[in-house]
């Protein structure tokens, strides 16, 4: 655990560490084995205990094993995160290269479409294309049967 809660554990965590039921800890509180406010404290519905009180009552051996396991988990997590960071960096480079290529292709398409439109417009202006040019039109959106 990191931050201001370092050295504090919930009864569920202690039960997991030492292989006991968390109700055992609540019973010990009821029997005044722990000093409330110093060794243990209830925050809402959750009981917490200090590391020192936990070791004093249940021993350091299982707690040390637990800490080693937690450190290994953290190391594995960091390694995985580093791999993800490295992969995302290389993927981002690949994506930027690919998207750059797509942009070039799409801009060529747009450019060629503009050229075609210009040729058609020039053909109309020069009179090479005969036909009726529609400048505007309206849609009848009235649903009535009147015609």
C-alpha atoms as a PDB file:
ATOM      1  CA  UNK A   1       0.000   0.000   0.000  1.00  0.00           C
ATOM      2  CA  UNK A   2       1.135   3.501  -0.737  1.00  0.00           C
ATOM      3  CA  UNK A   3       0.112   6.927   0.468  1.00  0.00           C
ATOM      4  CA  UNK A   4      -1.243   7.976   3.827  1.00  0.00           C
ATOM      5  CA  UNK A   5      -2.778   4.527   4.405  1.00  0.00           C
ATOM      6  CA  UNK A   6       0.555   2.757   4.364  1.00  0.00           C
ATOM      7  CA  UNK A   7       0.790   0.505   7.411  1.00  0.00           C
ATOM      8  CA  UNK A   8      -3.000   0.196   7.754  1.00  0.00           C
ATOM      9  CA  UNK A   9      -4.884  -2.954   6.762  1.00  0.00           C
ATOM     10  CA  UNK A  10      -8.541  -3.917   6.700  1.00  0.00           C
ATOM     11  CA  UNK A  11      -9.698  -6.890   8.715  1.00  0.00           C
ATOM     12  CA  UNK A  12     -10.400  -8.693   5.413  1.00  0.00           C
ATOM     13  CA  UNK A  13      -6.770  -8.192   4.331  1.00  0.00           C
ATOM     14  CA  UNK A  14      -5.499  -9.454   7.690  1.00  0.00           C
ATOM     15  CA  UNK A  15      -7.792 -12.481   7.453  1.00  0.00           C
ATOM     16  CA  UNK A  16      -6.367 -13.214   3.989  1.00  0.00           C
ATOM     17  CA  UNK A  17      -2.767 -12.778   5.136  1.00  0.00           C
ATOM     18  CA  UNK A  18      -3.051 -15.039   8.188  1.00  0.00           C
ATOM     19  CA  UNK A  19      -5.658 -17.472   6.908  1.00  0.00           C
ATOM     20  CA  UNK A  20      -8.228 -16.658   9.589  1.00  0.00           C
ATOM     21  CA  UNK A  21     -11.813 -15.438   9.501  1.00  0.00           C
ATOM     22  CA  UNK A  22     -12.324 -11.686   9.811  1.00  0.00           C
ATOM     23  CA  UNK A  23     -14.946 -12.305  12.516  1.00  0.00           C
ATOM     24  CA  UNK A  24     -12.062 -13.544  14.694  1.00  0.00           C
ATOM     25  CA  UNK A  25     -10.615 -10.031  14.596  1.00  0.00           C
ATOM     26  CA  UNK A  26     -13.935  -8.429  15.491  1.00  0.00           C
ATOM     27  CA  UNK A  27     -14.232 -10.812  18.464  1.00  0.00           C
ATOM     28  CA  UNK A  28     -10.766  -9.797  19.634  1.00  0.00           C
ATOM     29  CA  UNK A  29     -11.843  -6.148  19.482  1.00  0.00           C
ATOM     30  CA  UNK A  30     -14.905  -7.016  21.595  1.00  0.00           C
ATOM     31  CA  UNK A  31     -12.617  -8.751  24.122  1.00  0.00           C
ATOM     32  CA  UNK A  32     -10.422  -5.627  24.332  1.00  0.00           C
ATOM     33  CA  UNK A  33      -7.386  -7.347  22.819  1.00  0.00           C
ATOM     34  CA  UNK A  34      -6.847  -4.221  20.680  1.00  0.00           C
ATOM     35  CA  UNK A  35      -6.990  -0.612  21.812  1.00  0.00           C
ATOM     36  CA  UNK A  36      -9.665   1.166  19.758  1.00  0.00           C
ATOM     37  CA  UNK A  37      -8.294   4.377  18.297  1.00  0.00           C
ATOM     38  CA  UNK A  38      -4.691   3.212  18.681  1.00  0.00           C
ATOM     39  CA  UNK A  39      -4.440  -0.336  17.295  1.00  0.00           C
ATOM     40  CA  UNK A  40      -7.742  -0.523  15.424  1.00  0.00           C
ATOM     41  CA  UNK A  41     -10.395   1.873  14.220  1.00  0.00           C
ATOM     42  CA  UNK A  42     -13.756   1.529  12.557  1.00  0.00           C
ATOM     43  CA  UNK A  43     -14.255   3.674   9.471  1.00  0.00           C
ATOM     44  CA  UNK A  44     -17.856   3.392   8.366  1.00  0.00           C
ATOM     45  CA  UNK A  45     -18.507  -0.345   8.201  1.00  0.00           C
ATOM     46  CA  UNK A  46     -14.848  -1.268   7.761  1.00  0.00           C
ATOM     47  CA  UNK A  47     -12.419  -2.044  10.562  1.00  0.00           C
ATOM     48  CA  UNK A  48      -8.753  -1.173  10.028  1.00  0.00           C
ATOM     49  CA  UNK A  49      -5.723  -2.265  12.029  1.00  0.00           C
ATOM     50  CA  UNK A  50      -2.169  -0.968  12.219  1.00  0.00           C
ATOM     51  CA  UNK A  51       0.699  -3.049  10.951  1.00  0.00           C
ATOM     52  CA  UNK A  52       2.354  -3.036  14.385  1.00  0.00           C
ATOM     53  CA  UNK A  53      -0.746  -4.338  16.176  1.00  0.00           C
ATOM     54  CA  UNK A  54      -1.235  -7.004  13.517  1.00  0.00           C
ATOM     55  CA  UNK A  55       2.360  -8.271  13.826  1.00  0.00           C
ATOM     56  CA  UNK A  56       2.199  -8.144  17.635  1.00  0.00           C
ATOM     57  CA  UNK A  57      -0.938 -10.304  17.663  1.00  0.00           C
ATOM     58  CA  UNK A  58      -0.352 -12.694  14.770  1.00  0.00           C
ATOM     59  CA  UNK A  59       3.405 -12.693  14.121  1.00  0.00           C
ATOM     60  CA  UNK A  60       5.678 -11.402  11.385  1.00  0.00           C
ATOM     61  CA  UNK A  61       6.363 -14.571   9.361  1.00  0.00           C
ATOM     62  CA  UNK A  62       3.158 -14.720   7.305  1.00  0.00           C
ATOM     63  CA  UNK A  63       3.111 -10.949   7.021  1.00  0.00           C
ATOM     64  CA  UNK A  64       6.623 -10.902   5.516  1.00  0.00           C
ATOM     65  CA  UNK A  65       5.605 -13.605   3.026  1.00  0.00           C
ATOM     66  CA  UNK A  66       2.578 -11.507   2.100  1.00  0.00           C
ATOM     67  CA  UNK A  67       4.727  -8.402   1.575  1.00  0.00           C
ATOM     68  CA  UNK A  68       7.119 -10.334  -0.689  1.00  0.00           C
ATOM     69  CA  UNK A  69       4.193 -11.584  -2.783  1.00  0.00           C
ATOM     70  CA  UNK A  70       2.845  -8.045  -3.040  1.00  0.00           C
ATOM     71  CA  UNK A  71       6.248  -6.742  -4.173  1.00  0.00           C
ATOM     72  CA  UNK A  72       6.462  -9.430  -6.847  1.00  0.00           C
ATOM     73  CA  UNK A  73       2.961  -8.543  -8.053  1.00  0.00           C
ATOM     74  CA  UNK A  74       3.959  -4.881  -8.240  1.00  0.00           C
ATOM     75  CA  UNK A  75       7.103  -5.729 -10.208  1.00  0.00           C
ATOM     76  CA  UNK A  76       5.137  -7.859 -12.677  1.00  0.00           C
ATOM     77  CA  UNK A  77       2.590  -5.081 -13.017  1.00  0.00           C
ATOM     78  CA  UNK A  78       5.327  -2.530 -13.717  1.00  0.00           C
ATOM     79  CA  UNK A  79       6.911  -4.801 -16.333  1.00  0.00           C
ATOM     80  CA  UNK A  80       3.556  -5.245 -18.057  1.00  0.00           C
ATOM     81  CA  UNK A  81       2.896  -1.504 -17.978  1.00  0.00           C
ATOM     82  CA  UNK A  82       6.318  -0.811 -19.456  1.00  0.00           C
ATOM     83  CA  UNK A  83       5.643  -3.305 -22.259  1.00  0.00           C
ATOM     84  CA  UNK A  84       2.302  -1.659 -22.963  1.00  0.00           C
ATOM     85  CA  UNK A  85       3.958   1.756 -23.041  1.00  0.00           C
ATOM     86  CA  UNK A  86       6.622   0.516 -25.445  1.00  0.00           C
ATOM     87  CA  UNK A  87       4.064  -1.226 -27.672  1.00  0.00           C
ATOM     88  CA  UNK A  88       1.719   1.750 -27.686  1.00  0.00           C
ATOM     89  CA  UNK A  89       4.591   4.026 -28.686  1.00  0.00           C
ATOM     90  CA  UNK A  90       5.545   1.820 -31.620  1.00  0.00           C
ATOM     91  CA  UNK A  91       1.877   1.346 -32.577  1.00  0.00           C
ATOM     92  CA  UNK A  92       1.345   5.098 -32.473  1.00  0.00           C
ATOM     93  CA  UNK A  93       4.273   5.548 -34.859  1.00  0.00           C
ATOM     94  CA  UNK A  94       2.847   2.900 -37.183  1.00  0.00           C
ATOM     95  CA  UNK A  95      -0.612   4.435 -37.047  1.00  0.00           C
ATOM     96  CA  UNK A  96       0.731   7.904 -37.774  1.00  0.00           C
ATOM     97  CA  UNK A  97       2.630   6.553 -40.757  1.00  0.00           C
ATOM     98  CA  UNK A  98      -0.414   4.688 -42.044  1.00  0.00           C
ATOM     99  CA  UNK A  99      -2.785   7.572 -41.451  1.00  0.00           C
ATOM    100  CA  UNK A 100      -0.346   9.862 -43.232  1.00  0.00           C
ATOM    101  CA  UNK A 101      -0.455   7.546 -46.227  1.00  0.00           C
ATOM    102  CA  UNK A 102      -4.223   7.461 -46.128  1.00  0.00           C
ATOM    103  CA  UNK A 103      -4.373  11.225 -45.999  1.00  0.00           C
ATOM    104  CA  UNK A 104      -2.181  11.453 -49.069  1.00  0.00           C
ATOM    105  CA  UNK A 105      -4.374   8.983 -50.951  1.00  0.00           C
ATOM    106  CA  UNK A 106      -7.606  10.642 -49.921  1.00  0.00           C
ATOM    107  CA  UNK A 107      -6.285  14.086 -50.795  1.00  0.00           C
ATOM    108  CA  UNK A 108      -5.371  12.753 -54.236  1.00  0.00           C
ATOM    109  CA  UNK A 109      -8.923  11.467 -54.636  1.00  0.00           C
ATOM    110  CA  UNK A 110     -10.362  14.806 -53.619  1.00  0.00           C
ATOM    111  CA  UNK A 111      -7.973  16.552 -55.949  1.00  0.00           C
ATOM    112  CA  UNK A 112      -8.902  14.300 -58.869  1.00  0.00           C
ATOM    113  CA  UNK A 113     -12.631  14.803 -58.120  1.00  0.00           C
ATOM    114  CA  UNK A 114     -12.131  18.556 -58.207  1.00  0.00           C
ATOM    115  CA  UNK A 115     -10.351  18.255 -61.544  1.00  0.00           C
ATOM    116  CA  UNK A 116     -13.252  16.228 -62.991  1.00  0.00           C
ATOM    117  CA  UNK A 117     -15.800  18.725 -61.730  1.00  0.00           C
ATOM    118  CA  UNK A 118     -13.812  21.571 -63.215  1.00  0.00           C
ATOM    119  CA  UNK A 119     -13.654  19.797 -66.596  1.00  0.00           C
ATOM    120  CA  UNK A 120     -17.419  19.229 -66.546  1.00  0.00           C
ATOM    121  CA  UNK A 121     -18.095  22.852 -65.612  1.00  0.00           C
ATOM    122  CA  UNK A 122     -15.736  24.067 -68.335  1.00  0.00           C
ATOM    123  CA  UNK A 123     -17.489  21.796 -70.815  1.00  0.00           C
ATOM    124  CA  UNK A 124     -20.847  23.391 -69.902  1.00  0.00           C
ATOM    125  CA  UNK A 125     -19.415  26.863 -70.236  1.00  0.00           C
ATOM    126  CA  UNK A 126     -17.778  26.133 -73.564  1.00  0.00           C
ATOM    127  CA  UNK A 127     -20.992  24.542 -74.882  1.00  0.00           C
ATOM    128  CA  UNK A 128     -19.426  21.152 -75.425  1.00  0.00           C
ATOM    129  CA  UNK A 129     -22.145  19.514 -73.305  1.00  0.00           C
ATOM    130  CA  UNK A 130     -25.747  20.066 -74.440  1.00  0.00           C
ATOM    131  CA  UNK A 131     -28.657  19.740 -72.060  1.00  0.00           C
ATOM    132  CA  UNK A 132     -30.673  21.533 -69.457  1.00  0.00           C
ATOM    133  CA  UNK A 133     -28.871  22.856 -66.444  1.00  0.00           C
ATOM    134  CA  UNK A 134     -30.894  22.753 -63.234  1.00  0.00           C
ATOM    135  CA  UNK A 135     -30.001  25.624 -60.988  1.00  0.00           C
ATOM    136  CA  UNK A 136     -32.447  24.856 -58.163  1.00  0.00           C
ATOM    137  CA  UNK A 137     -35.405  22.674 -57.342  1.00  0.00           C
ATOM    138  CA  UNK A 138     -37.827  22.180 -54.471  1.00  0.00           C
ATOM    139  CA  UNK A 139     -39.275  19.093 -52.847  1.00  0.00           C
ATOM    140  CA  UNK A 140     -42.960  18.959 -52.131  1.00  0.00           C
ATOM    141  CA  UNK A 141     -43.225  17.801 -48.529  1.00  0.00           C
ATOM    142  CA  UNK A 142     -47.001  18.277 -48.269  1.00  0.00           C
ATOM    143  CA  UNK A 143     -48.650  14.913 -47.516  1.00  0.00           C
ATOM    144  CA  UNK A 144     -52.144  16.008 -48.515  1.00  0.00           C
ATOM    145  CA  UNK A 145     -53.833  14.629 -51.607  1.00  0.00           C
ATOM    146  CA  UNK A 146     -54.021  18.075 -53.255  1.00  0.00           C
ATOM    147  CA  UNK A 147     -52.183  18.279 -56.530  1.00  0.00           C
END
